[in-house]
Amino acid sequence: MERTLLTNADRAARQGFERGVAQGRRQGIEQGRRELLLALLGRRFGPLPEATLRRLQELRSPEEIEGLAERVLDARSLEDLGL
């Protein structure tokens, strides 16, 4: 019985670790996308206003971040991007 409990505890610890790694990976990818978007915006429009930087930090959806990044090259202003 004790061996089974240790095995279950080990299994639970392993699953928790794997979930943590997956979550960290997702957060790292999101942060990388956000940093790339900031670099693209800065290159295209110059120094970004504080309000724009705050708005970008509020983006949570990877789709929002990617959508903005895709539209950077076509936008004539930050306003065109809704920023």
PDB file of N, CA and C in Angstrom:
ATOM      1  N   MET A   1       0.821  -1.204   0.000  1.00  0.00           N
ATOM      2  CA  MET A   1       0.000   0.000   0.000  1.00  0.00           C
ATOM      3  C   MET A   1       0.862   1.265   0.000  1.00  0.00           C
ATOM      4  N   GLU A   2       1.900   1.286   0.826  1.00  0.00           N
ATOM      5  CA  GLU A   2       2.763   2.461   0.898  1.00  0.00           C
ATOM      6  C   GLU A   2       3.435   2.718  -0.447  1.00  0.00           C
ATOM      7  N   ARG A   3       3.837   1.670  -1.115  1.00  0.00           N
ATOM      8  CA  ARG A   3       4.472   1.817  -2.427  1.00  0.00           C
ATOM      9  C   ARG A   3       3.506   2.445  -3.426  1.00  0.00           C
ATOM     10  N   THR A   4       2.227   2.066  -3.391  1.00  0.00           N
ATOM     11  CA  THR A   4       1.217   2.633  -4.270  1.00  0.00           C
ATOM     12  C   THR A   4       1.026   4.114  -3.971  1.00  0.00           C
ATOM     13  N   LEU A   5       1.008   4.490  -2.702  1.00  0.00           N
ATOM     14  CA  LEU A   5       0.854   5.900  -2.338  1.00  0.00           C
ATOM     15  C   LEU A   5       2.022   6.725  -2.856  1.00  0.00           C
ATOM     16  N   LEU A   6       3.211   6.210  -2.728  1.00  0.00           N
ATOM     17  CA  LEU A   6       4.368   6.934  -3.241  1.00  0.00           C
ATOM     18  C   LEU A   6       4.290   7.065  -4.759  1.00  0.00           C
ATOM     19  N   THR A   7       3.862   6.011  -5.400  1.00  0.00           N
ATOM     20  CA  THR A   7       3.730   6.047  -6.848  1.00  0.00           C
ATOM     21  C   THR A   7       2.682   7.078  -7.263  1.00  0.00           C
ATOM     22  N   ASN A   8       1.560   7.115  -6.561  1.00  0.00           N
ATOM     23  CA  ASN A   8       0.525   8.101  -6.868  1.00  0.00           C
ATOM     24  C   ASN A   8       1.025   9.516  -6.586  1.00  0.00           C
ATOM     25  N   ALA A   9       1.750   9.670  -5.494  1.00  0.00           N
ATOM     26  CA  ALA A   9       2.302  10.988  -5.163  1.00  0.00           C
ATOM     27  C   ALA A   9       3.323  11.406  -6.215  1.00  0.00           C
ATOM     28  N   ASP A  10       4.159  10.465  -6.623  1.00  0.00           N
ATOM     29  CA  ASP A  10       5.139  10.766  -7.671  1.00  0.00           C
ATOM     30  C   ASP A  10       4.446  11.147  -8.976  1.00  0.00           C
ATOM     31  N   ARG A  11       3.394  10.420  -9.293  1.00  0.00           N
ATOM     32  CA  ARG A  11       2.645  10.691 -10.523  1.00  0.00           C
ATOM     33  C   ARG A  11       2.008  12.086 -10.458  1.00  0.00           C
ATOM     34  N   ALA A  12       1.429  12.414  -9.322  1.00  0.00           N
ATOM     35  CA  ALA A  12       0.800  13.729  -9.165  1.00  0.00           C
ATOM     36  C   ALA A  12       1.846  14.841  -9.253  1.00  0.00           C
ATOM     37  N   ALA A  13       3.009  14.608  -8.642  1.00  0.00           N
ATOM     38  CA  ALA A  13       4.076  15.609  -8.699  1.00  0.00           C
ATOM     39  C   ALA A  13       4.557  15.790 -10.137  1.00  0.00           C
ATOM     40  N   ARG A  14       4.682  14.699 -10.844  1.00  0.00           N
ATOM     41  CA  ARG A  14       5.130  14.748 -12.239  1.00  0.00           C
ATOM     42  C   ARG A  14       4.131  15.510 -13.112  1.00  0.00           C
ATOM     43  N   GLN A  15       2.839  15.239 -12.900  1.00  0.00           N
ATOM     44  CA  GLN A  15       1.802  15.937 -13.671  1.00  0.00           C
ATOM     45  C   GLN A  15       1.810  17.424 -13.365  1.00  0.00           C
ATOM     46  N   GLY A  16       1.971  17.758 -12.088  1.00  0.00           N
ATOM     47  CA  GLY A  16       2.044  19.171 -11.713  1.00  0.00           C
ATOM     48  C   GLY A  16       3.235  19.858 -12.346  1.00  0.00           C
ATOM     49  N   PHE A  17       4.367  19.165 -12.334  1.00  0.00           N
ATOM     50  CA  PHE A  17       5.573  19.709 -12.962  1.00  0.00           C
ATOM     51  C   PHE A  17       5.351  19.930 -14.458  1.00  0.00           C
ATOM     52  N   GLU A  18       4.776  18.949 -15.128  1.00  0.00           N
ATOM     53  CA  GLU A  18       4.537  19.068 -16.572  1.00  0.00           C
ATOM     54  C   GLU A  18       3.571  20.199 -16.894  1.00  0.00           C
ATOM     55  N   ARG A  19       2.537  20.364 -16.067  1.00  0.00           N
ATOM     56  CA  ARG A  19       1.608  21.488 -16.278  1.00  0.00           C
ATOM     57  C   ARG A  19       2.330  22.821 -16.097  1.00  0.00           C
ATOM     58  N   GLY A  20       3.191  22.891 -15.095  1.00  0.00           N
ATOM     59  CA  GLY A  20       3.955  24.119 -14.863  1.00  0.00           C
ATOM     60  C   GLY A  20       4.878  24.448 -16.017  1.00  0.00           C
ATOM     61  N   VAL A  21       5.535  23.426 -16.552  1.00  0.00           N
ATOM     62  CA  VAL A  21       6.427  23.627 -17.699  1.00  0.00           C
ATOM     63  C   VAL A  21       5.626  24.115 -18.909  1.00  0.00           C
ATOM     64  N   ALA A  22       4.486  23.487 -19.151  1.00  0.00           N
ATOM     65  CA  ALA A  22       3.652  23.891 -20.298  1.00  0.00           C
ATOM     66  C   ALA A  22       3.172  25.330 -20.136  1.00  0.00           C
ATOM     67  N   GLN A  23       2.752  25.681 -18.919  1.00  0.00           N
ATOM     68  CA  GLN A  23       2.286  27.044 -18.677  1.00  0.00           C
ATOM     69  C   GLN A  23       3.435  28.038 -18.864  1.00  0.00           C
ATOM     70  N   GLY A  24       4.605  27.706 -18.358  1.00  0.00           N
ATOM     71  CA  GLY A  24       5.769  28.579 -18.525  1.00  0.00           C
ATOM     72  C   GLY A  24       6.136  28.756 -19.987  1.00  0.00           C
ATOM     73  N   ARG A  25       6.025  27.690 -20.741  1.00  0.00           N
ATOM     74  CA  ARG A  25       6.322  27.756 -22.175  1.00  0.00           C
ATOM     75  C   ARG A  25       5.344  28.700 -22.874  1.00  0.00           C
ATOM     76  N   ARG A  26       4.051  28.539 -22.555  1.00  0.00           N
ATOM     77  CA  ARG A  26       3.042  29.418 -23.172  1.00  0.00           C
ATOM     78  C   ARG A  26       3.301  30.875 -22.814  1.00  0.00           C
ATOM     79  N   GLN A  27       3.629  31.128 -21.555  1.00  0.00           N
ATOM     80  CA  GLN A  27       3.892  32.502 -21.136  1.00  0.00           C
ATOM     81  C   GLN A  27       5.133  33.061 -21.824  1.00  0.00           C
ATOM     82  N   GLY A  28       6.148  32.234 -22.002  1.00  0.00           N
ATOM     83  CA  GLY A  28       7.365  32.667 -22.687  1.00  0.00           C
ATOM     84  C   GLY A  28       7.108  32.998 -24.144  1.00  0.00           C
ATOM     85  N   ILE A  29       6.312  32.171 -24.790  1.00  0.00           N
ATOM     86  CA  ILE A  29       5.964  32.429 -26.190  1.00  0.00           C
ATOM     87  C   ILE A  29       5.165  33.722 -26.299  1.00  0.00           C
ATOM     88  N   GLU A  30       4.211  33.909 -25.388  1.00  0.00           N
ATOM     89  CA  GLU A  30       3.408  35.141 -25.406  1.00  0.00           C
ATOM     90  C   GLU A  30       4.296  36.361 -25.195  1.00  0.00           C
ATOM     91  N   GLN A  31       5.226  36.283 -24.262  1.00  0.00           N
ATOM     92  CA  GLN A  31       6.113  37.417 -24.002  1.00  0.00           C
ATOM     93  C   GLN A  31       7.000  37.692 -25.219  1.00  0.00           C
ATOM     94  N   GLY A  32       7.474  36.638 -25.868  1.00  0.00           N
ATOM     95  CA  GLY A  32       8.284  36.819 -27.074  1.00  0.00           C
ATOM     96  C   GLY A  32       7.501  37.495 -28.186  1.00  0.00           C
ATOM     97  N   ARG A  33       6.252  37.094 -28.353  1.00  0.00           N
ATOM     98  CA  ARG A  33       5.405  37.727 -29.372  1.00  0.00           C
ATOM     99  C   ARG A  33       5.186  39.199 -29.050  1.00  0.00           C
ATOM    100  N   ARG A  34       4.947  39.480 -27.781  1.00  0.00           N
ATOM    101  CA  ARG A  34       4.714  40.860 -27.348  1.00  0.00           C
ATOM    102  C   ARG A  34       5.971  41.705 -27.606  1.00  0.00           C
ATOM    103  N   GLU A  35       7.140  41.156 -27.289  1.00  0.00           N
ATOM    104  CA  GLU A  35       8.391  41.892 -27.504  1.00  0.00           C
ATOM    105  C   GLU A  35       8.651  42.124 -28.996  1.00  0.00           C
ATOM    106  N   LEU A  36       8.346  41.132 -29.810  1.00  0.00           N
ATOM    107  CA  LEU A  36       8.503  41.314 -31.252  1.00  0.00           C
ATOM    108  C   LEU A  36       7.561  42.401 -31.767  1.00  0.00           C
ATOM    109  N   LEU A  37       6.322  42.387 -31.297  1.00  0.00           N
ATOM    110  CA  LEU A  37       5.361  43.419 -31.686  1.00  0.00           C
ATOM    111  C   LEU A  37       5.864  44.799 -31.272  1.00  0.00           C
ATOM    112  N   LEU A  38       6.386  44.923 -30.064  1.00  0.00           N
ATOM    113  CA  LEU A  38       6.931  46.210 -29.613  1.00  0.00           C
ATOM    114  C   LEU A  38       8.080  46.660 -30.507  1.00  0.00           C
ATOM    115  N   ALA A  39       8.937  45.735 -30.885  1.00  0.00           N
ATOM    116  CA  ALA A  39      10.064  46.081 -31.757  1.00  0.00           C
ATOM    117  C   ALA A  39       9.572  46.534 -33.129  1.00  0.00           C
ATOM    118  N   LEU A  40       8.590  45.824 -33.673  1.00  0.00           N
ATOM    119  CA  LEU A  40       8.047  46.203 -34.984  1.00  0.00           C
ATOM    120  C   LEU A  40       7.387  47.582 -34.924  1.00  0.00           C
ATOM    121  N   LEU A  41       6.601  47.797 -33.882  1.00  0.00           N
ATOM    122  CA  LEU A  41       5.932  49.094 -33.743  1.00  0.00           C
ATOM    123  C   LEU A  41       6.946  50.225 -33.581  1.00  0.00           C
ATOM    124  N   GLY A  42       7.963  49.993 -32.773  1.00  0.00           N
ATOM    125  CA  GLY A  42       8.991  51.006 -32.571  1.00  0.00           C
ATOM    126  C   GLY A  42       9.747  51.307 -33.854  1.00  0.00           C
ATOM    127  N   ARG A  43      10.022  50.278 -34.607  1.00  0.00           N
ATOM    128  CA  ARG A  43      10.739  50.465 -35.882  1.00  0.00           C
ATOM    129  C   ARG A  43       9.874  51.229 -36.877  1.00  0.00           C
ATOM    130  N   ARG A  44       8.590  50.923 -36.890  1.00  0.00           N
ATOM    131  CA  ARG A  44       7.666  51.528 -37.865  1.00  0.00           C
ATOM    132  C   ARG A  44       7.282  52.956 -37.500  1.00  0.00           C
ATOM    133  N   PHE A  45       7.014  53.183 -36.186  1.00  0.00           N
ATOM    134  CA  PHE A  45       6.437  54.468 -35.774  1.00  0.00           C
ATOM    135  C   PHE A  45       7.330  55.278 -34.836  1.00  0.00           C
ATOM    136  N   GLY A  46       8.496  54.793 -34.503  1.00  0.00           N
ATOM    137  CA  GLY A  46       9.371  55.512 -33.579  1.00  0.00           C
ATOM    138  C   GLY A  46       8.974  55.239 -32.136  1.00  0.00           C
ATOM    139  N   PRO A  47       9.496  56.050 -31.226  1.00  0.00           N
ATOM    140  CA  PRO A  47       9.205  55.837 -29.799  1.00  0.00           C
ATOM    141  C   PRO A  47       7.694  55.815 -29.549  1.00  0.00           C
ATOM    142  N   LEU A  48       7.276  54.844 -28.753  1.00  0.00           N
ATOM    143  CA  LEU A  48       5.841  54.659 -28.510  1.00  0.00           C
ATOM    144  C   LEU A  48       5.393  55.421 -27.276  1.00  0.00           C
ATOM    145  N   PRO A  49       4.225  56.050 -27.355  1.00  0.00           N
ATOM    146  CA  PRO A  49       3.677  56.750 -26.192  1.00  0.00           C
ATOM    147  C   PRO A  49       3.380  55.767 -25.053  1.00  0.00           C
ATOM    148  N   GLU A  50       3.419  56.277 -23.838  1.00  0.00           N
ATOM    149  CA  GLU A  50       3.137  55.451 -22.655  1.00  0.00           C
ATOM    150  C   GLU A  50       1.776  54.771 -22.742  1.00  0.00           C
ATOM    151  N   ALA A  51       0.785  55.477 -23.245  1.00  0.00           N
ATOM    152  CA  ALA A  51      -0.559  54.902 -23.356  1.00  0.00           C
ATOM    153  C   ALA A  51      -0.551  53.671 -24.265  1.00  0.00           C
ATOM    154  N   THR A  52       0.216  53.730 -25.335  1.00  0.00           N
ATOM    155  CA  THR A  52       0.320  52.592 -26.250  1.00  0.00           C
ATOM    156  C   THR A  52       1.026  51.433 -25.570  1.00  0.00           C
ATOM    157  N   LEU A  53       2.091  51.718 -24.838  1.00  0.00           N
ATOM    158  CA  LEU A  53       2.810  50.659 -24.122  1.00  0.00           C
ATOM    159  C   LEU A  53       1.910  49.981 -23.095  1.00  0.00           C
ATOM    160  N   ARG A  54       1.112  50.772 -22.393  1.00  0.00           N
ATOM    161  CA  ARG A  54       0.166  50.194 -21.416  1.00  0.00           C
ATOM    162  C   ARG A  54      -0.857  49.316 -22.114  1.00  0.00           C
ATOM    163  N   ARG A  55      -1.373  49.802 -23.220  1.00  0.00           N
ATOM    164  CA  ARG A  55      -2.378  49.031 -23.979  1.00  0.00           C
ATOM    165  C   ARG A  55      -1.797  47.701 -24.443  1.00  0.00           C
ATOM    166  N   LEU A  56      -0.569  47.716 -24.915  1.00  0.00           N
ATOM    167  CA  LEU A  56       0.064  46.480 -25.370  1.00  0.00           C
ATOM    168  C   LEU A  56       0.274  45.496 -24.227  1.00  0.00           C
ATOM    169  N   GLN A  57       0.571  45.996 -23.040  1.00  0.00           N
ATOM    170  CA  GLN A  57       0.743  45.110 -21.887  1.00  0.00           C
ATOM    171  C   GLN A  57      -0.582  44.489 -21.449  1.00  0.00           C
ATOM    172  N   GLU A  58      -1.679  45.127 -21.790  1.00  0.00           N
ATOM    173  CA  GLU A  58      -3.004  44.613 -21.422  1.00  0.00           C
ATOM    174  C   GLU A  58      -3.484  43.506 -22.357  1.00  0.00           C
ATOM    175  N   LEU A  59      -2.857  43.374 -23.532  1.00  0.00           N
ATOM    176  CA  LEU A  59      -3.265  42.329 -24.472  1.00  0.00           C
ATOM    177  C   LEU A  59      -2.996  40.967 -23.852  1.00  0.00           C
ATOM    178  N   ARG A  60      -3.984  40.106 -23.843  1.00  0.00           N
ATOM    179  CA  ARG A  60      -3.834  38.774 -23.253  1.00  0.00           C
ATOM    180  C   ARG A  60      -3.953  37.666 -24.279  1.00  0.00           C
ATOM    181  N   SER A  61      -4.631  37.927 -25.338  1.00  0.00           N
ATOM    182  CA  SER A  61      -4.897  36.899 -26.328  1.00  0.00           C
ATOM    183  C   SER A  61      -3.749  36.827 -27.333  1.00  0.00           C
ATOM    184  N   PRO A  62      -3.202  35.645 -27.561  1.00  0.00           N
ATOM    185  CA  PRO A  62      -2.177  35.513 -28.601  1.00  0.00           C
ATOM    186  C   PRO A  62      -2.703  35.963 -29.971  1.00  0.00           C
ATOM    187  N   GLU A  63      -3.989  35.769 -30.192  1.00  0.00           N
ATOM    188  CA  GLU A  63      -4.587  36.194 -31.459  1.00  0.00           C
ATOM    189  C   GLU A  63      -4.561  37.709 -31.609  1.00  0.00           C
ATOM    190  N   GLU A  64      -4.794  38.430 -30.515  1.00  0.00           N
ATOM    191  CA  GLU A  64      -4.732  39.897 -30.568  1.00  0.00           C
ATOM    192  C   GLU A  64      -3.315  40.358 -30.919  1.00  0.00           C
ATOM    193  N   ILE A  65      -2.348  39.765 -30.255  1.00  0.00           N
ATOM    194  CA  ILE A  65      -0.950  40.145 -30.474  1.00  0.00           C
ATOM    195  C   ILE A  65      -0.545  39.846 -31.915  1.00  0.00           C
ATOM    196  N   GLU A  66      -0.860  38.658 -32.386  1.00  0.00           N
ATOM    197  CA  GLU A  66      -0.518  38.282 -33.760  1.00  0.00           C
ATOM    198  C   GLU A  66      -1.243  39.153 -34.780  1.00  0.00           C
ATOM    199  N   GLY A  67      -2.513  39.455 -34.511  1.00  0.00           N
ATOM    200  CA  GLY A  67      -3.286  40.293 -35.423  1.00  0.00           C
ATOM    201  C   GLY A  67      -2.667  41.671 -35.587  1.00  0.00           C
ATOM    202  N   LEU A  68      -2.249  42.260 -34.471  1.00  0.00           N
ATOM    203  CA  LEU A  68      -1.593  43.567 -34.546  1.00  0.00           C
ATOM    204  C   LEU A  68      -0.276  43.469 -35.307  1.00  0.00           C
ATOM    205  N   ALA A  69       0.499  42.444 -35.020  1.00  0.00           N
ATOM    206  CA  ALA A  69       1.794  42.279 -35.685  1.00  0.00           C
ATOM    207  C   ALA A  69       1.616  42.145 -37.193  1.00  0.00           C
ATOM    208  N   GLU A  70       0.588  41.428 -37.606  1.00  0.00           N
ATOM    209  CA  GLU A  70       0.345  41.254 -39.041  1.00  0.00           C
ATOM    210  C   GLU A  70      -0.057  42.556 -39.724  1.00  0.00           C
ATOM    211  N   ARG A  71      -0.708  43.445 -38.978  1.00  0.00           N
ATOM    212  CA  ARG A  71      -1.195  44.689 -39.580  1.00  0.00           C
ATOM    213  C   ARG A  71      -0.184  45.830 -39.509  1.00  0.00           C
ATOM    214  N   VAL A  72       0.922  45.638 -38.801  1.00  0.00           N
ATOM    215  CA  VAL A  72       1.898  46.720 -38.625  1.00  0.00           C
ATOM    216  C   VAL A  72       2.406  47.252 -39.957  1.00  0.00           C
ATOM    217  N   LEU A  73       2.697  46.390 -40.886  1.00  0.00           N
ATOM    218  CA  LEU A  73       3.291  46.839 -42.149  1.00  0.00           C
ATOM    219  C   LEU A  73       2.337  47.660 -43.006  1.00  0.00           C
ATOM    220  N   ASP A  74       1.050  47.429 -42.859  1.00  0.00           N
ATOM    221  CA  ASP A  74       0.059  48.153 -43.655  1.00  0.00           C
ATOM    222  C   ASP A  74      -0.450  49.420 -42.980  1.00  0.00           C
ATOM    223  N   ALA A  75      -0.274  49.518 -41.679  1.00  0.00           N
ATOM    224  CA  ALA A  75      -0.815  50.658 -40.928  1.00  0.00           C
ATOM    225  C   ALA A  75      -0.011  51.922 -41.207  1.00  0.00           C
ATOM    226  N   ARG A  76      -0.726  53.033 -41.297  1.00  0.00           N
ATOM    227  CA  ARG A  76      -0.060  54.323 -41.499  1.00  0.00           C
ATOM    228  C   ARG A  76       0.186  55.046 -40.184  1.00  0.00           C
ATOM    229  N   SER A  77      -0.511  54.582 -39.126  1.00  0.00           N
ATOM    230  CA  SER A  77      -0.359  55.217 -37.813  1.00  0.00           C
ATOM    231  C   SER A  77      -0.751  54.230 -36.724  1.00  0.00           C
ATOM    232  N   LEU A  78      -0.424  54.576 -35.502  1.00  0.00           N
ATOM    233  CA  LEU A  78      -0.859  53.755 -34.366  1.00  0.00           C
ATOM    234  C   LEU A  78      -2.377  53.740 -34.267  1.00  0.00           C
ATOM    235  N   GLU A  79      -3.011  54.835 -34.665  1.00  0.00           N
ATOM    236  CA  GLU A  79      -4.462  54.903 -34.641  1.00  0.00           C
ATOM    237  C   GLU A  79      -5.085  53.896 -35.600  1.00  0.00           C
ATOM    238  N   ASP A  80      -4.422  53.675 -36.738  1.00  0.00           N
ATOM    239  CA  ASP A  80      -4.912  52.659 -37.681  1.00  0.00           C
ATOM    240  C   ASP A  80      -4.963  51.276 -37.031  1.00  0.00           C
ATOM    241  N   LEU A  81      -4.113  51.056 -36.058  1.00  0.00           N
ATOM    242  CA  LEU A  81      -4.051  49.775 -35.352  1.00  0.00           C
ATOM    243  C   LEU A  81      -4.980  49.740 -34.138  1.00  0.00           C
ATOM    244  N   GLY A  82      -5.607  50.853 -33.868  1.00  0.00           N
ATOM    245  CA  GLY A  82      -6.459  50.939 -32.679  1.00  0.00           C
ATOM    246  C   GLY A  82      -5.671  51.145 -31.415  1.00  0.00           C
ATOM    247  N   LEU A  83      -4.467  51.679 -31.559  1.00  0.00           N
ATOM    248  CA  LEU A  83      -3.617  51.937 -30.408  1.00  0.00           C
ATOM    249  C   LEU A  83      -3.490  53.428 -30.197  1.00  0.00           C
TER     250      LEU A  83
END
